[in-house]
N, C-alpha and C. Protein backbone atom coordinates (compact mmCIF):
# COMPACT_ATOMS: atom_id res chain seq x y z
N UNK A 1 3.67 -1.16 46.93
CA UNK A 1 4.00 -1.72 46.00
C UNK A 1 5.66 -1.64 46.10
N UNK A 2 6.49 -2.60 45.87
CA UNK A 2 7.72 -2.63 46.46
C UNK A 2 8.61 -2.60 44.92
N UNK A 3 9.51 -1.70 45.52
CA UNK A 3 10.39 -1.39 44.03
C UNK A 3 10.42 -2.30 42.74
N UNK A 4 10.87 -3.18 42.74
CA UNK A 4 10.70 -4.23 42.15
C UNK A 4 9.13 -4.50 41.21
N UNK A 5 8.61 -4.14 42.09
CA UNK A 5 6.74 -4.34 41.20
C UNK A 5 6.72 -3.24 40.35
N UNK A 6 7.15 -1.86 41.29
CA UNK A 6 7.38 -0.53 40.51
C UNK A 6 8.10 -0.54 38.97
N UNK A 7 9.09 -1.45 38.59
CA UNK A 7 10.02 -1.43 38.20
C UNK A 7 9.10 -2.43 36.91
N UNK A 8 9.00 -3.23 37.42
CA UNK A 8 8.15 -4.06 36.45
C UNK A 8 6.80 -3.56 35.71
N UNK A 9 6.11 -2.75 36.21
CA UNK A 9 5.00 -1.56 35.52
C UNK A 9 5.35 -0.81 35.15
N UNK A 10 6.38 0.15 35.00
CA UNK A 10 7.50 0.84 34.78
C UNK A 10 7.69 0.35 33.09
N UNK A 11 8.25 -0.96 33.48
CA UNK A 11 8.66 -1.74 31.87
C UNK A 11 7.44 -1.88 30.89
N UNK A 12 6.65 -2.71 31.28
CA UNK A 12 5.35 -2.81 30.80
C UNK A 12 4.63 -1.54 30.39
N UNK A 13 4.64 -0.23 30.95
CA UNK A 13 3.83 0.89 30.17
C UNK A 13 5.06 1.57 29.54
N UNK A 14 6.06 0.96 29.43
CA UNK A 14 6.93 1.83 28.83
C UNK A 14 7.00 1.31 27.66
N UNK A 15 6.83 -0.11 27.50
CA UNK A 15 6.58 -1.03 26.45
C UNK A 15 5.40 -0.61 25.56
N UNK A 16 4.29 -0.47 26.28
CA UNK A 16 3.23 -0.08 26.02
C UNK A 16 3.24 1.31 24.85
N UNK A 17 3.89 2.18 25.59
CA UNK A 17 4.21 3.46 24.83
C UNK A 17 4.78 3.28 23.51
N UNK A 18 5.46 2.58 23.76
CA UNK A 18 6.79 2.47 22.64
C UNK A 18 6.04 1.77 21.38
N UNK A 19 5.39 0.79 21.53
CA UNK A 19 4.80 -0.18 20.76
C UNK A 19 3.41 0.76 20.01
N UNK A 20 2.85 1.30 20.95
CA UNK A 20 1.97 2.19 20.34
C UNK A 20 2.43 3.50 19.28
N UNK A 21 3.60 4.12 19.53
CA UNK A 21 4.56 5.01 19.33
C UNK A 21 4.65 4.38 17.70
N UNK A 22 5.26 2.90 17.83
CA UNK A 22 5.62 2.71 16.29
C UNK A 22 4.77 2.03 15.80
N UNK A 23 3.37 2.06 16.22
CA UNK A 23 2.51 1.28 14.90
C UNK A 23 1.48 2.62 14.89
N UNK A 24 1.63 3.93 15.42
CA UNK A 24 1.29 4.81 14.85
C UNK A 24 1.94 5.70 13.55
N UNK A 25 2.61 5.32 13.65
CA UNK A 25 4.11 5.96 12.23
C UNK A 25 4.02 4.71 11.15
N UNK A 26 2.98 3.87 11.50
CA UNK A 26 2.83 2.59 10.24
C UNK A 26 2.56 3.19 8.76
N UNK A 27 2.92 2.86 7.97
CA UNK A 27 2.77 3.67 7.12
C UNK A 27 2.30 2.81 5.66
N UNK A 28 1.90 3.54 4.58
CA UNK A 28 1.20 2.64 3.36
C UNK A 28 1.86 3.37 2.49
N UNK A 29 1.63 3.45 1.13
CA UNK A 29 1.85 4.10 -0.39
C UNK A 29 0.24 4.09 -0.85
N UNK A 30 0.63 4.99 -1.75
CA UNK A 30 -0.78 5.58 -2.01
C UNK A 30 -0.40 5.11 -3.85
N UNK A 31 -1.40 4.29 -4.46
CA UNK A 31 -1.02 3.67 -5.79
C UNK A 31 -1.89 3.26 -6.53
N UNK A 32 -1.55 3.01 -7.66
CA UNK A 32 -2.62 2.22 -8.71
C UNK A 32 -1.78 0.90 -8.92
N UNK A 33 -2.69 -0.31 -8.04
CA UNK A 33 -2.27 -2.17 -7.88
C UNK A 33 -2.66 -2.13 -9.08
N UNK A 34 -2.29 -3.25 -9.69
CA UNK A 34 -2.34 -3.80 -10.94
C UNK A 34 -2.68 -5.41 -10.20
N UNK A 35 -4.09 -6.07 -11.03
CA UNK A 35 -4.67 -7.25 -10.88
C UNK A 35 -5.01 -8.05 -12.14
N UNK A 36 -4.97 -9.31 -11.69
CA UNK A 36 -5.50 -10.34 -13.19
C UNK A 36 -6.48 -10.94 -12.44
N UNK A 37 -7.28 -11.49 -13.75
CA UNK A 37 -8.80 -12.18 -12.77
C UNK A 37 -8.59 -13.44 -13.65
N UNK A 38 -8.89 -14.32 -12.36
CA UNK A 38 -8.16 -15.82 -13.47
C UNK A 38 -9.68 -16.73 -12.47
N UNK A 39 -10.37 -17.52 -13.09
CA UNK A 39 -11.57 -18.54 -12.62
C UNK A 39 -12.11 -17.65 -11.39
N UNK A 40 -12.78 -16.22 -11.65
CA UNK A 40 -13.79 -15.52 -11.24
C UNK A 40 -13.12 -15.13 -9.65
N UNK A 41 -11.68 -14.67 -9.45
CA UNK A 41 -10.90 -14.58 -8.52
C UNK A 41 -9.59 -13.39 -9.07
N UNK A 42 -9.67 -12.28 -8.21
CA UNK A 42 -8.89 -11.95 -8.89
C UNK A 42 -7.31 -11.73 -7.96
N UNK A 43 -6.17 -11.76 -8.34
CA UNK A 43 -4.91 -11.96 -7.96
C UNK A 43 -3.85 -10.88 -8.19
N UNK A 44 -2.75 -10.70 -7.39
CA UNK A 44 -1.94 -9.52 -7.60
C UNK A 44 -1.11 -10.12 -8.47
N UNK A 45 -1.03 -9.07 -9.78
CA UNK A 45 -0.10 -9.58 -10.61
C UNK A 45 1.38 -9.60 -10.16
N UNK A 46 2.13 -10.43 -10.99
CA UNK A 46 3.40 -10.62 -10.97
C UNK A 46 4.08 -9.86 -11.10
N UNK A 47 3.86 -8.94 -12.44
CA UNK A 47 4.32 -8.06 -13.32
C UNK A 47 3.87 -6.76 -13.59
N UNK A 48 4.23 -5.57 -13.62
CA UNK A 48 3.61 -4.33 -14.17
C UNK A 48 3.09 -4.53 -15.48
N UNK A 49 2.02 -3.50 -15.53
CA UNK A 49 1.29 -2.90 -16.95
C UNK A 49 1.94 -2.97 -18.27
N UNK A 50 2.95 -2.08 -17.44
CA UNK A 50 4.14 -1.96 -19.16
C UNK A 50 4.70 -3.11 -19.65
N UNK A 51 4.89 -4.21 -18.53
CA UNK A 51 5.45 -5.63 -19.33
C UNK A 51 4.66 -6.76 -19.29
N UNK A 52 3.31 -6.81 -18.87
CA UNK A 52 2.22 -7.68 -18.93
C UNK A 52 1.71 -7.60 -20.27
N UNK A 53 1.41 -8.74 -20.64
CA UNK A 53 0.85 -9.30 -22.09
C UNK A 53 -0.27 -10.11 -22.35
N UNK A 54 -1.77 -9.76 -21.79
CA UNK A 54 -2.84 -10.55 -22.10
C UNK A 54 -2.78 -11.12 -22.88
N UNK A 55 -3.53 -12.53 -23.01
CA UNK A 55 -4.30 -12.77 -24.18
C UNK A 55 -5.23 -12.27 -23.97
N UNK A 56 -6.02 -12.68 -25.39
CA UNK A 56 -7.43 -11.87 -25.88
C UNK A 56 -8.10 -13.22 -24.83
N UNK A 57 -9.37 -12.09 -24.11
CA UNK A 57 -10.33 -12.49 -23.08
C UNK A 57 -9.84 -12.42 -22.31
N UNK A 58 -8.52 -11.55 -21.70
CA UNK A 58 -8.14 -11.79 -20.40
C UNK A 58 -9.16 -10.51 -19.54
N UNK A 59 -8.58 -10.23 -18.56
CA UNK A 59 -9.83 -9.47 -17.42
C UNK A 59 -8.80 -8.54 -16.49
N UNK A 60 -8.46 -7.75 -16.73
CA UNK A 60 -7.35 -6.73 -15.53
C UNK A 60 -7.61 -5.81 -15.12
N UNK A 61 -7.37 -5.95 -13.75
CA UNK A 61 -7.96 -4.99 -13.02
C UNK A 61 -6.87 -4.15 -12.49
N UNK A 62 -7.20 -3.16 -11.86
CA UNK A 62 -6.15 -1.83 -11.10
C UNK A 62 -7.27 -0.65 -10.70
N UNK A 63 -6.12 -0.90 -9.34
CA UNK A 63 -7.32 -0.31 -8.10
C UNK A 63 -6.19 0.24 -7.42
N UNK A 64 -6.63 1.94 -7.23
CA UNK A 64 -6.30 3.24 -6.12
C UNK A 64 -6.38 2.97 -4.98
N UNK A 65 -5.37 3.13 -4.48
CA UNK A 65 -6.00 2.80 -2.63
C UNK A 65 -4.07 2.88 -2.00
N UNK A 66 -4.60 2.96 -0.56
CA UNK A 66 -3.45 3.13 0.13
C UNK A 66 -3.42 1.59 1.00
N UNK A 67 -2.02 0.65 0.44
CA UNK A 67 -1.84 -0.11 0.87
C UNK A 67 -0.24 -0.36 0.93
N UNK A 68 -0.05 -1.20 2.71
CA UNK A 68 1.21 -1.05 2.75
C UNK A 68 2.13 -1.90 2.04
N UNK A 69 1.62 -2.95 1.23
CA UNK A 69 2.69 -4.35 0.23
C UNK A 69 1.44 -4.84 -0.61
N UNK A 70 1.46 -6.15 -1.23
CA UNK A 70 1.14 -6.77 -1.97
C UNK A 70 0.17 -7.96 -0.95
N UNK A 71 0.54 -7.66 -0.55
CA UNK A 71 -0.26 -8.48 0.76
C UNK A 71 -1.39 -7.67 1.17
N UNK A 72 -1.25 -6.53 1.62
CA UNK A 72 -2.12 -5.82 1.81
C UNK A 72 -2.99 -4.96 0.81
N UNK A 73 -2.47 -5.19 0.03
CA UNK A 73 -2.99 -4.38 -1.29
C UNK A 73 -4.81 -4.78 -1.60
N UNK A 74 -5.84 -3.81 -2.01
CA UNK A 74 -7.13 -4.05 -2.30
C UNK A 74 -7.32 -4.38 -3.53
N UNK A 75 -8.22 -5.04 -3.15
CA UNK A 75 -8.86 -5.62 -4.80
C UNK A 75 -9.89 -4.77 -5.81
N UNK A 76 -9.72 -4.56 -6.72
CA UNK A 76 -10.91 -4.14 -7.52
C UNK A 76 -12.66 -4.70 -6.99
N UNK A 77 -13.36 -3.67 -6.88
CA UNK A 77 -14.97 -4.11 -6.62
C UNK A 77 -15.42 -4.41 -7.77
N UNK A 78 -16.61 -4.89 -7.32
CA UNK A 78 -17.85 -5.06 -8.31
C UNK A 78 -17.44 -6.48 -9.25
N UNK A 79 -18.72 -6.68 -10.16
CA UNK A 79 -18.07 -8.05 -10.89
C UNK A 79 -16.95 -7.70 -11.82
N UNK A 80 -16.66 -8.42 -12.36
CA UNK A 80 -15.56 -8.66 -13.66
C UNK A 80 -15.97 -10.01 -14.18
N UNK A 81 -16.56 -10.00 -15.29
CA UNK A 81 -16.46 -10.83 -16.62
C UNK A 81 -16.04 -10.34 -17.86
N UNK A 82 -15.27 -11.03 -18.70
CA UNK A 82 -14.99 -10.61 -20.05
C UNK A 82 -16.32 -10.58 -20.77
N UNK A 83 -17.30 -11.62 -20.77
CA UNK A 83 -18.48 -11.46 -22.04
C UNK A 83 -19.20 -10.48 -21.28
N UNK A 84 -19.32 -10.26 -20.38
CA UNK A 84 -20.14 -8.96 -20.07
C UNK A 84 -19.66 -7.27 -20.52
N UNK A 85 -18.23 -7.27 -20.48
CA UNK A 85 -17.57 -5.88 -20.13
C UNK A 85 -17.21 -5.38 -21.96
N UNK A 86 -16.98 -6.91 -22.87
CA UNK A 86 -16.60 -6.86 -23.84
C UNK A 86 -17.55 -7.62 -24.70
N UNK A 87 -18.83 -7.26 -24.28
CA UNK A 87 -20.01 -7.55 -25.11
C UNK A 87 -20.42 -6.61 -26.60
N UNK A 88 -20.01 -5.26 -26.22
CA UNK A 88 -20.08 -4.27 -27.55
C UNK A 88 -18.78 -4.27 -28.02
N UNK A 89 -18.03 -5.16 -28.40
CA UNK A 89 -16.79 -5.26 -28.67
C UNK A 89 -16.63 -6.19 -29.39
N UNK A 90 -17.01 -6.56 -30.60
CA UNK A 90 -16.57 -7.75 -31.22
C UNK A 90 -15.64 -8.26 -31.82
N UNK A 91 -15.23 -9.29 -32.07
CA UNK A 91 -13.74 -9.66 -32.29
C UNK A 91 -13.24 -9.01 -33.68
N UNK A 92 -12.01 -9.54 -33.71
CA UNK A 92 -11.73 -8.61 -35.06
C UNK A 92 -10.12 -9.46 -35.54
N UNK A 93 -10.00 -10.12 -36.66
CA UNK A 93 -9.22 -10.74 -36.87
C UNK A 93 -7.81 -9.49 -37.03
N UNK A 94 -7.02 -10.02 -36.34
CA UNK A 94 -5.53 -9.18 -36.00
C UNK A 94 -5.58 -8.55 -34.90
N UNK A 95 -6.35 -8.70 -34.09
CA UNK A 95 -6.51 -8.04 -32.74
C UNK A 95 -6.66 -9.21 -31.68
N UNK A 96 -6.75 -7.97 -30.87
CA UNK A 96 -7.26 -9.14 -29.02
C UNK A 96 -8.41 -7.95 -27.84
N UNK A 97 -8.77 -8.64 -27.78
CA UNK A 97 -9.54 -7.46 -26.50
C UNK A 97 -9.02 -7.83 -25.48
N UNK A 98 -9.19 -6.68 -24.56
CA UNK A 98 -8.70 -7.39 -23.30
C UNK A 98 -9.82 -6.44 -22.40
N UNK A 99 -10.50 -7.34 -21.45
CA UNK A 99 -11.55 -6.72 -20.81
C UNK A 99 -10.64 -5.59 -19.54
N UNK A 100 -11.15 -4.46 -19.37
CA UNK A 100 -10.19 -3.16 -17.77
C UNK A 100 -11.18 -3.45 -17.03
N UNK A 101 -11.46 -3.38 -15.56
CA UNK A 101 -11.84 -2.88 -14.60
C UNK A 101 -11.18 -1.92 -13.86
N UNK A 102 -11.50 -0.69 -13.66
CA UNK A 102 -10.43 0.23 -13.31
C UNK A 102 -11.40 1.24 -12.07
N UNK A 103 -10.57 0.92 -10.87
CA UNK A 103 -11.19 0.97 -9.58
C UNK A 103 -10.55 2.19 -9.15
N UNK A 104 -11.13 3.67 -9.37
CA UNK A 104 -10.65 4.21 -8.56
C UNK A 104 -10.58 4.75 -6.83
N UNK A 105 -11.03 4.14 -6.54
CA UNK A 105 -10.75 4.25 -4.93
C UNK A 105 -12.46 4.36 -4.43
N UNK A 106 -11.87 4.92 -3.03
CA UNK A 106 -12.78 5.64 -2.04
C UNK A 106 -12.26 6.99 -1.93
N UNK A 107 -13.00 8.18 -1.20
CA UNK A 107 -12.56 9.30 -1.09
C UNK A 107 -11.26 8.95 0.20
N UNK A 108 -11.53 8.22 1.42
CA UNK A 108 -10.86 7.92 2.32
C UNK A 108 -9.17 7.75 1.66
N UNK A 109 -9.17 7.05 0.37
CA UNK A 109 -7.78 6.82 -0.14
C UNK A 109 -7.36 7.95 -1.06
N UNK A 110 -8.02 8.65 -1.18
CA UNK A 110 -7.55 9.98 -2.26
C UNK A 110 -6.83 10.98 -1.73
N UNK A 111 -5.87 11.72 -2.74
CA UNK A 111 -5.26 12.81 -1.86
C UNK A 111 -5.94 14.02 -1.48
N UNK A 112 -5.29 14.59 -1.23
CA UNK A 112 -6.03 16.06 -0.12
C UNK A 112 -7.09 16.81 -1.50
N UNK A 113 -8.01 16.56 -1.42
CA UNK A 113 -8.53 17.88 -2.75
C UNK A 113 -8.65 17.14 -3.79
N UNK A 114 -8.71 15.66 -3.76
CA UNK A 114 -9.30 14.89 -5.12
C UNK A 114 -10.56 14.26 -4.68
N UNK A 115 -11.36 13.98 -5.81
CA UNK A 115 -12.49 12.77 -5.92
C UNK A 115 -12.13 12.05 -6.68
N UNK A 116 -12.57 10.73 -5.96
CA UNK A 116 -11.99 9.36 -6.75
C UNK A 116 -13.31 9.65 -7.95
N UNK A 117 -13.31 9.43 -9.67
CA UNK A 117 -14.20 9.31 -10.39
C UNK A 117 -15.05 7.73 -10.30
N UNK A 118 -16.04 7.34 -10.32
CA UNK A 118 -16.47 6.38 -10.36
C UNK A 118 -15.80 5.36 -10.67
N UNK A 119 -16.01 3.87 -10.71
CA UNK A 119 -15.55 2.65 -10.94
C UNK A 119 -15.85 2.60 -12.49
N UNK A 120 -15.09 2.42 -13.42
CA UNK A 120 -15.36 2.04 -14.52
C UNK A 120 -14.90 0.69 -15.41
N UNK A 121 -15.09 0.26 -16.50
CA UNK A 121 -15.18 -0.94 -17.10
C UNK A 121 -14.86 -0.27 -18.47
N UNK A 122 -13.79 -1.38 -19.57
CA UNK A 122 -13.52 -0.75 -20.76
C UNK A 122 -13.08 -1.93 -21.68
N UNK A 123 -13.27 -2.33 -22.70
CA UNK A 123 -12.83 -3.27 -23.53
C UNK A 123 -11.97 -2.96 -24.47
N UNK A 124 -10.50 -3.10 -24.40
CA UNK A 124 -9.69 -2.89 -25.23
C UNK A 124 -9.50 -3.43 -26.70
N UNK A 125 -9.71 -3.27 -27.32
CA UNK A 125 -8.82 -4.03 -29.14
C UNK A 125 -7.79 -3.38 -29.32
N UNK A 126 -6.63 -4.10 -29.17
CA UNK A 126 -5.59 -3.48 -29.27
C UNK A 126 -5.02 -4.95 -30.20
N UNK A 127 -3.56 -5.08 -30.60
CA UNK A 127 -2.67 -5.68 -31.55
C UNK A 127 -2.47 -6.76 -30.39
N UNK A 128 -1.98 -8.16 -31.28
CA UNK A 128 -2.16 -9.26 -30.26
C UNK A 128 -0.83 -9.56 -29.56
N UNK A 129 0.09 -8.60 -29.46
CA UNK A 129 1.44 -8.16 -28.57
C UNK A 129 1.70 -7.17 -27.87
N UNK A 130 0.28 -6.48 -27.61
CA UNK A 130 -0.15 -5.66 -26.51
C UNK A 130 0.33 -5.51 -25.48
N UNK A 131 0.80 -4.65 -24.39
CA UNK A 131 0.98 -4.64 -23.29
C UNK A 131 -0.28 -4.34 -22.59
N UNK A 132 -0.73 -4.50 -21.18
CA UNK A 132 -1.64 -3.85 -20.45
C UNK A 132 -1.51 -2.14 -20.73
N UNK A 133 -0.20 -1.92 -20.19
CA UNK A 133 -0.52 -0.38 -20.39
C UNK A 133 -1.07 0.21 -21.66
N UNK A 134 -0.63 -0.67 -22.77
CA UNK A 134 -1.48 -0.31 -24.33
C UNK A 134 -2.69 0.15 -24.31
N UNK A 135 -3.30 -1.17 -23.59
CA UNK A 135 -4.98 -1.24 -23.75
C UNK A 135 -5.39 -0.14 -23.05
N UNK A 136 -4.37 -0.14 -21.93
CA UNK A 136 -5.48 1.32 -20.83
C UNK A 136 -5.34 2.56 -21.91
N UNK A 137 -3.85 2.87 -22.62
CA UNK A 137 -3.88 3.65 -23.39
C UNK A 137 -5.05 4.16 -24.39
N UNK A 138 -5.49 2.62 -24.57
CA UNK A 138 -6.38 2.61 -26.15
C UNK A 138 -7.64 2.96 -25.19
N UNK A 139 -7.76 3.20 -24.18
CA UNK A 139 -9.44 2.97 -23.21
C UNK A 139 -9.44 3.71 -22.25
N UNK A 140 -7.87 4.43 -21.69
CA UNK A 140 -8.09 5.17 -20.54
C UNK A 140 -7.52 6.31 -20.17
N UNK A 141 -6.95 7.26 -21.28
CA UNK A 141 -6.48 8.00 -21.60
C UNK A 141 -6.99 9.66 -20.36
N UNK A 142 -6.18 10.42 -20.38
CA UNK A 142 -4.65 10.35 -20.15
C UNK A 142 -3.95 9.50 -19.06
N UNK A 143 -2.89 8.75 -19.56
CA UNK A 143 -2.01 8.44 -18.40
C UNK A 143 -0.88 9.01 -18.13
N UNK A 144 -0.45 8.75 -16.66
CA UNK A 144 0.62 9.24 -16.07
C UNK A 144 1.92 8.42 -16.02
N UNK A 145 3.14 8.84 -15.93
CA UNK A 145 3.89 7.67 -15.42
C UNK A 145 5.00 8.94 -14.74
N UNK A 146 5.88 8.32 -13.99
CA UNK A 146 6.96 9.12 -13.11
C UNK A 146 8.09 8.63 -14.30
N UNK A 147 9.57 9.31 -13.66
CA UNK A 147 10.62 8.80 -13.95
C UNK A 147 11.27 7.28 -14.35
N UNK A 148 10.12 6.89 -13.43
CA UNK A 148 10.80 5.23 -13.53
C UNK A 148 10.03 4.74 -14.07
N UNK A 149 9.42 5.13 -14.96
CA UNK A 149 8.02 4.41 -15.42
C UNK A 149 6.84 3.64 -14.76
N UNK A 150 6.87 3.88 -13.36
CA UNK A 150 5.55 3.46 -12.53
C UNK A 150 4.57 4.49 -12.91
N UNK A 151 3.37 3.62 -13.01
CA UNK A 151 2.08 4.43 -13.25
C UNK A 151 1.28 4.78 -12.52
N UNK A 152 1.75 5.88 -12.65
CA UNK A 152 0.71 7.46 -11.28
C UNK A 152 -0.58 7.55 -12.05
N UNK A 153 -1.28 8.04 -12.62
CA UNK A 153 -2.27 7.97 -13.17
C UNK A 153 -3.05 7.59 -14.48
N UNK A 154 -4.43 6.88 -14.01
CA UNK A 154 -5.57 6.92 -14.98
C UNK A 154 -6.54 7.59 -15.25
N UNK A 155 -6.82 7.78 -16.39
CA UNK A 155 -7.70 8.51 -16.89
C UNK A 155 -7.26 10.07 -15.93
N UNK A 156 -6.00 10.71 -15.82
CA UNK A 156 -6.27 11.85 -15.40
C UNK A 156 -6.15 11.89 -13.84
N UNK A 157 -6.64 10.71 -13.04
CA UNK A 157 -6.45 10.28 -11.78
C UNK A 157 -5.59 9.74 -10.75
N UNK A 158 -4.81 9.84 -10.00
CA UNK A 158 -5.15 11.56 -9.46
C UNK A 158 -4.54 12.18 -10.37
N UNK A 159 -4.53 13.63 -9.90
CA UNK A 159 -4.08 14.83 -10.93
C UNK A 159 -2.40 15.02 -10.57
N UNK A 160 -2.32 14.70 -9.35
CA UNK A 160 -0.65 14.94 -8.86
C UNK A 160 -0.25 13.87 -7.87
N UNK A 161 0.66 13.18 -7.31
CA UNK A 161 1.41 12.90 -6.71
C UNK A 161 1.57 11.34 -7.30
N UNK A 162 2.32 10.46 -7.01
CA UNK A 162 3.14 8.87 -7.52
C UNK A 162 3.33 8.52 -6.60
N UNK A 163 2.73 7.23 -6.11
CA UNK A 163 3.25 6.39 -4.70
C UNK A 163 3.87 6.90 -3.78
N UNK A 164 3.23 7.92 -3.67
CA UNK A 164 4.28 8.71 -2.50
C UNK A 164 3.66 7.83 -0.47
N UNK A 165 4.37 7.86 0.04
CA UNK A 165 4.03 7.30 0.98
C UNK A 165 3.37 7.93 2.34
N UNK A 166 2.38 7.09 3.17
CA UNK A 166 1.29 7.87 3.80
C UNK A 166 1.36 7.38 5.35
N UNK A 167 0.79 8.09 6.28
CA UNK A 167 0.96 7.57 7.20
C UNK A 167 -0.57 7.03 7.37
N UNK A 168 -0.94 6.16 8.89
CA UNK A 168 -1.80 5.36 9.07
C UNK A 168 -3.14 6.42 8.76
N UNK A 169 -2.70 7.51 9.14
CA UNK A 169 -4.79 8.29 9.08
C UNK A 169 -4.74 8.61 7.72
N UNK A 170 -4.02 8.18 6.50
CA UNK A 170 -4.16 8.14 5.17
C UNK A 170 -3.53 9.88 4.83
N UNK A 171 -3.13 10.58 5.22
CA UNK A 171 -2.01 11.80 5.83
C UNK A 171 -0.41 11.69 5.11
N UNK A 172 0.06 12.73 4.07
CA UNK A 172 1.14 12.83 3.61
C UNK A 172 2.02 12.29 4.95
N UNK A 173 3.35 11.02 4.86
CA UNK A 173 4.04 10.61 5.68
C UNK A 173 5.42 11.83 6.28
N UNK A 174 5.81 12.41 6.95
CA UNK A 174 7.23 13.10 6.64
C UNK A 174 7.99 12.48 6.71
N UNK A 175 8.81 13.15 6.05
CA UNK A 175 10.65 12.35 5.12
C UNK A 175 11.38 11.69 6.41
N UNK A 176 11.17 10.43 5.78
CA UNK A 176 11.52 9.24 6.54
C UNK A 176 13.52 9.65 6.58
N UNK A 177 13.70 9.17 7.67
CA UNK A 177 14.99 9.36 8.43
C UNK A 177 15.94 8.47 7.64
N UNK A 178 16.86 8.27 7.10
CA UNK A 178 18.05 7.70 6.57
C UNK A 178 17.89 6.40 6.87
N UNK A 179 18.24 4.99 6.25
CA UNK A 179 18.08 3.32 7.93
C UNK A 179 18.90 3.55 8.01
N UNK A 180 19.41 2.56 8.65
CA UNK A 180 20.75 2.39 9.57
C UNK A 180 21.52 1.49 7.99
N UNK A 181 22.43 1.47 8.04
CA UNK A 181 23.70 0.68 7.09
C UNK A 181 23.12 -0.51 6.73
N UNK A 182 22.91 -1.14 8.34
CA UNK A 182 22.55 -2.82 7.87
C UNK A 182 20.83 -2.94 7.88
N UNK A 183 19.94 -2.17 7.35
CA UNK A 183 18.78 -2.04 7.36
C UNK A 183 18.14 -2.23 8.33
N UNK A 184 19.08 -2.23 9.70
CA UNK A 184 18.02 -2.62 10.66
C UNK A 184 17.35 -1.26 10.99
N UNK A 185 16.16 -1.78 12.32
CA UNK A 185 15.72 -0.84 12.93
C UNK A 185 16.04 0.46 13.45
N UNK A 186 15.14 1.60 13.37
CA UNK A 186 15.25 3.08 14.33
C UNK A 186 15.88 2.71 15.87
N UNK A 187 16.77 3.70 15.58
CA UNK A 187 17.68 3.57 17.02
C UNK A 187 16.24 4.49 18.14
N UNK A 188 15.05 4.59 18.29
CA UNK A 188 14.61 4.95 18.91
C UNK A 188 14.18 4.19 20.22
N UNK A 189 13.66 3.14 19.44
CA UNK A 189 13.31 1.99 19.99
C UNK A 189 14.47 1.52 21.12
N UNK A 190 15.22 1.06 20.51
CA UNK A 190 16.34 0.16 21.43
C UNK A 190 16.80 1.28 23.04
N UNK A 191 16.70 2.65 22.22
CA UNK A 191 17.55 3.87 23.25
C UNK A 191 16.42 3.96 24.09
N UNK A 192 14.83 3.72 24.32
CA UNK A 192 13.57 3.94 24.57
C UNK A 192 14.11 2.98 26.08
N UNK A 193 13.89 1.44 25.15
CA UNK A 193 13.78 0.47 26.13
C UNK A 193 15.35 0.05 27.09
N UNK A 194 16.31 0.64 26.90
CA UNK A 194 17.60 1.15 27.88
C UNK A 194 16.96 1.57 28.45
N UNK A 195 16.87 2.88 28.15
CA UNK A 195 16.51 3.91 29.45
C UNK A 195 15.46 3.86 30.42
N UNK A 196 14.61 2.75 30.07
CA UNK A 196 13.56 2.13 30.83
C UNK A 196 14.04 0.86 31.84
N UNK A 197 15.33 -0.04 31.29
CA UNK A 197 16.09 -0.54 31.65
C UNK A 197 16.59 -0.03 32.61
N UNK A 198 17.44 1.11 33.04
CA UNK A 198 18.57 1.55 33.78
C UNK A 198 17.13 2.17 34.65
N UNK A 199 15.94 2.87 34.05
CA UNK A 199 15.51 3.23 35.66
C UNK A 199 14.55 1.79 36.31
N UNK A 200 14.47 0.75 35.76
CA UNK A 200 14.43 -0.45 36.94
C UNK A 200 15.30 -0.65 37.15
N UNK A 201 16.35 -0.87 36.78
CA UNK A 201 17.60 -1.37 37.89
C UNK A 201 17.92 -0.35 38.19
N UNK A 202 18.05 1.32 38.55
CA UNK A 202 17.74 1.95 39.55
C UNK A 202 17.05 1.72 41.00
N UNK A 203 15.77 1.38 40.59
CA UNK A 203 14.19 0.95 41.79
C UNK A 203 15.25 -0.25 42.12
N UNK A 204 15.70 -1.00 41.23
CA UNK A 204 15.98 -2.70 42.57
C UNK A 204 17.35 -2.50 42.86
N UNK A 205 18.15 -1.08 42.63
CA UNK A 205 19.45 -0.91 43.67
C UNK A 205 19.11 -0.44 44.83
N UNK A 206 17.98 0.82 44.52
CA UNK A 206 17.28 1.45 46.05
C UNK A 206 16.65 0.67 46.56
N UNK A 207 16.44 -0.17 46.67
CA UNK A 207 15.50 -1.65 47.05
C UNK A 207 16.55 -2.17 47.68
N UNK A 208 17.18 -2.69 47.50
CA UNK A 208 18.50 -3.46 48.29
C UNK A 208 19.13 -2.50 49.20
N UNK A 209 19.70 -1.28 48.33
CA UNK A 209 19.73 -0.67 49.69
C UNK A 209 19.47 -0.02 50.92
N UNK A 210 18.06 0.13 50.89
CA UNK A 210 17.37 0.11 51.69
C UNK A 210 17.08 -1.14 52.79
N UNK A 211 17.28 -2.57 52.25
CA UNK A 211 17.00 -3.92 52.65
C UNK A 211 18.45 -3.71 53.35
N UNK A 212 19.54 -2.93 52.98
CA UNK A 212 21.15 -3.25 53.55
C UNK A 212 20.84 -2.18 54.65
N UNK A 213 20.34 -1.31 54.98
CA UNK A 213 20.38 -0.23 55.98
C UNK A 213 19.45 -0.66 56.74
N UNK A 214 18.34 -1.10 56.73
CA UNK A 214 17.52 -1.69 57.47
C UNK A 214 17.99 -2.40 59.44
């Protein structure tokens, strides 16, 4: 194998290792995602439970899972229709009914040492201007929030933690390094590529030197 070919193989191998390392470091967040149901389909809510004010007859869902972002978030499971969930809660003047689907997720998404409760539904009868958070408080106490008003727990689950970052294997991620001032990527990948490029250049130089001395 020529020096140039060896350098090419080295480059490809290094890129594979670096790409694999970057993928291994991919992380998500363990949190309660908030959903709205329309036309028999779930859509990721555009605002949080503390500001959303559902209409009478609305179906709202919450799912606890590990997700990278809203595009990756996991939807609540099972059927969810207002007529079924609120069948035992008659309408009342001066109030609205909100159907809630609360999916505590799977053991794979649970924090260490915790077991997710069974999925549940509830029909909250609240004031006409109530938010989803108020509907949850009426049907699934206790709720837990952090200092930034992020919903951390529903019906006491999970017992601790709040939107923490986790690694791809579901374990808590190591403390992240401070980002670059311009929001750019970590220097690890460019430095690794630079080292490989130097090695490749050295191999090519050695090849040319041998030819010149031949």
